[in-house]
């Protein structure tokens, strides 16, 4: 009975697919289930584990990325009077606009070289 339960749980872990948009994977690289990869490139023999978010990144070959890793999270303005989205121009999480400050939150390109290991639960900020 233990073996069937174990195999079923492994199957269920892989059941949800990864979400990949505008990205290129050199074969046989891979993104595990529940990972999101957007505007990125992953080199040959590289992989990312479960529940990863990779945005606007170039990842070299033979790179191992653990579970729950975030690469290229959105930028955030720290020099404004407040970090609240109420100061952003346009529609955001807060329906009230207290200012009309414009800000590009998209992350800068993040480059990760060849033969790199990134352990689980790591945040890699976007940029050079």
Protein backbone atom coordinates (compact mmCIF):
# COMPACT_ATOMS: atom_id res chain seq x y z
CA UNK A 1 0.00 0.00 0.00
CA UNK A 2 2.84 2.42 0.82
CA UNK A 3 4.29 2.19 -2.68
CA UNK A 4 0.96 3.02 -4.35
CA UNK A 5 0.42 6.03 -2.07
CA UNK A 6 3.96 7.24 -2.72
CA UNK A 7 3.61 6.88 -6.49
CA UNK A 8 0.22 8.63 -6.43
CA UNK A 9 1.64 11.59 -4.51
CA UNK A 10 4.57 11.86 -6.97
CA UNK A 11 2.10 11.80 -9.87
CA UNK A 12 -0.07 14.51 -8.28
CA UNK A 13 3.00 16.71 -7.71
CA UNK A 14 3.75 16.69 -11.43
CA UNK A 15 0.13 16.99 -12.54
CA UNK A 16 -0.08 20.82 -12.66
CA UNK A 17 1.95 22.02 -15.62
CA UNK A 18 4.40 24.88 -15.74
CA UNK A 19 3.36 28.18 -17.36
CA UNK A 20 5.83 29.28 -20.03
CA UNK A 21 5.40 32.43 -22.12
CA UNK A 22 7.78 34.05 -24.64
CA UNK A 23 10.63 31.83 -23.47
CA UNK A 24 13.11 29.46 -25.07
CA UNK A 25 14.52 26.27 -23.59
CA UNK A 26 17.52 24.56 -25.14
CA UNK A 27 16.91 20.81 -25.01
CA UNK A 28 16.95 18.99 -22.64
CA UNK A 29 16.42 21.84 -20.14
CA UNK A 30 13.21 21.83 -18.09
CA UNK A 31 10.92 23.77 -15.76
CA UNK A 32 9.11 21.59 -13.22
CA UNK A 33 5.39 21.75 -12.41
CA UNK A 34 3.85 24.95 -11.03
CA UNK A 35 6.74 27.07 -12.30
CA UNK A 36 6.21 30.24 -14.32
CA UNK A 37 8.79 31.32 -16.89
CA UNK A 38 8.24 34.56 -18.83
CA UNK A 39 10.47 36.31 -21.38
CA UNK A 40 13.42 34.10 -20.51
CA UNK A 41 15.98 31.74 -21.97
CA UNK A 42 17.29 28.57 -20.32
CA UNK A 43 20.46 26.92 -21.57
CA UNK A 44 21.03 23.25 -22.31
CA UNK A 45 20.94 20.79 -19.37
CA UNK A 46 19.59 23.44 -16.97
CA UNK A 47 16.43 23.09 -14.92
CA UNK A 48 14.33 24.85 -12.34
CA UNK A 49 12.45 23.04 -9.60
CA UNK A 50 8.82 23.27 -8.51
CA UNK A 51 7.01 26.58 -7.85
CA UNK A 52 9.66 28.81 -9.42
CA UNK A 53 9.04 32.23 -10.98
CA UNK A 54 11.54 33.33 -13.61
CA UNK A 55 10.93 36.63 -15.42
CA UNK A 56 13.16 38.32 -18.00
CA UNK A 57 16.20 36.13 -17.36
CA UNK A 58 18.97 34.44 -19.32
CA UNK A 59 20.12 31.26 -17.62
CA UNK A 60 23.25 29.50 -18.82
CA UNK A 61 23.91 25.82 -19.37
CA UNK A 62 24.18 23.14 -16.66
CA UNK A 63 22.49 25.43 -14.11
CA UNK A 64 20.42 23.93 -11.28
CA UNK A 65 17.67 26.00 -9.68
CA UNK A 66 15.92 24.63 -6.59
CA UNK A 67 12.24 24.78 -5.65
CA UNK A 68 10.44 28.06 -4.82
CA UNK A 69 13.08 30.29 -6.42
CA UNK A 70 12.14 33.73 -7.77
CA UNK A 71 14.38 35.32 -10.40
CA UNK A 72 13.66 38.76 -11.79
CA UNK A 73 10.91 39.94 -9.46
CA UNK A 74 9.33 43.28 -10.33
CA UNK A 75 11.21 46.42 -9.41
CA UNK A 76 9.75 48.75 -6.82
CA UNK A 77 10.36 52.47 -6.32
CA UNK A 78 12.08 53.00 -2.97
CA UNK A 79 12.85 56.71 -3.35
CA UNK A 80 9.22 57.89 -3.32
CA UNK A 81 7.54 59.29 -0.22
CA UNK A 82 5.74 55.97 0.19
CA UNK A 83 5.98 52.48 -1.27
CA UNK A 84 2.18 52.18 -1.37
CA UNK A 85 0.67 51.48 -4.82
CA UNK A 86 -1.72 54.40 -4.15
CA UNK A 87 1.02 56.64 -5.59
CA UNK A 88 1.34 54.76 -8.91
CA UNK A 89 -0.15 56.23 -12.05
CA UNK A 90 -3.04 54.23 -13.44
CA UNK A 91 -4.87 51.16 -12.20
CA UNK A 92 -3.20 49.11 -9.49
CA UNK A 93 -4.04 47.15 -6.35
CA UNK A 94 -5.32 50.28 -4.59
CA UNK A 95 -8.23 51.98 -6.40
CA UNK A 96 -7.32 55.44 -5.02
CA UNK A 97 -4.60 57.45 -6.78
CA UNK A 98 -2.91 59.91 -4.43
CA UNK A 99 -0.38 60.95 -7.07
CA UNK A 100 0.32 60.40 -10.73
CA UNK A 101 3.88 59.11 -10.56
CA UNK A 102 4.96 56.94 -13.45
CA UNK A 103 7.11 53.89 -12.81
CA UNK A 104 8.19 50.91 -14.89
CA UNK A 105 7.98 47.90 -12.58
CA UNK A 106 9.23 45.40 -15.15
CA UNK A 107 12.44 43.75 -14.01
CA UNK A 108 15.76 44.38 -15.70
CA UNK A 109 17.32 41.45 -17.54
CA UNK A 110 18.93 39.01 -15.09
CA UNK A 111 21.85 36.95 -16.37
CA UNK A 112 22.90 33.75 -14.64
CA UNK A 113 25.98 32.01 -15.99
CA UNK A 114 26.86 28.41 -16.75
CA UNK A 115 27.20 25.69 -14.12
CA UNK A 116 25.46 27.65 -11.34
CA UNK A 117 23.58 26.16 -8.40
CA UNK A 118 20.78 28.20 -6.76
CA UNK A 119 19.25 26.54 -3.69
CA UNK A 120 15.58 26.49 -2.75
CA UNK A 121 13.65 29.56 -1.53
CA UNK A 122 16.10 32.10 -3.01
CA UNK A 123 15.15 35.52 -4.41
CA UNK A 124 17.41 36.83 -7.18
CA UNK A 125 16.67 40.48 -7.94
CA UNK A 126 16.57 41.59 -11.55
CA UNK A 127 19.50 43.36 -13.11
CA UNK A 128 22.90 42.88 -14.71
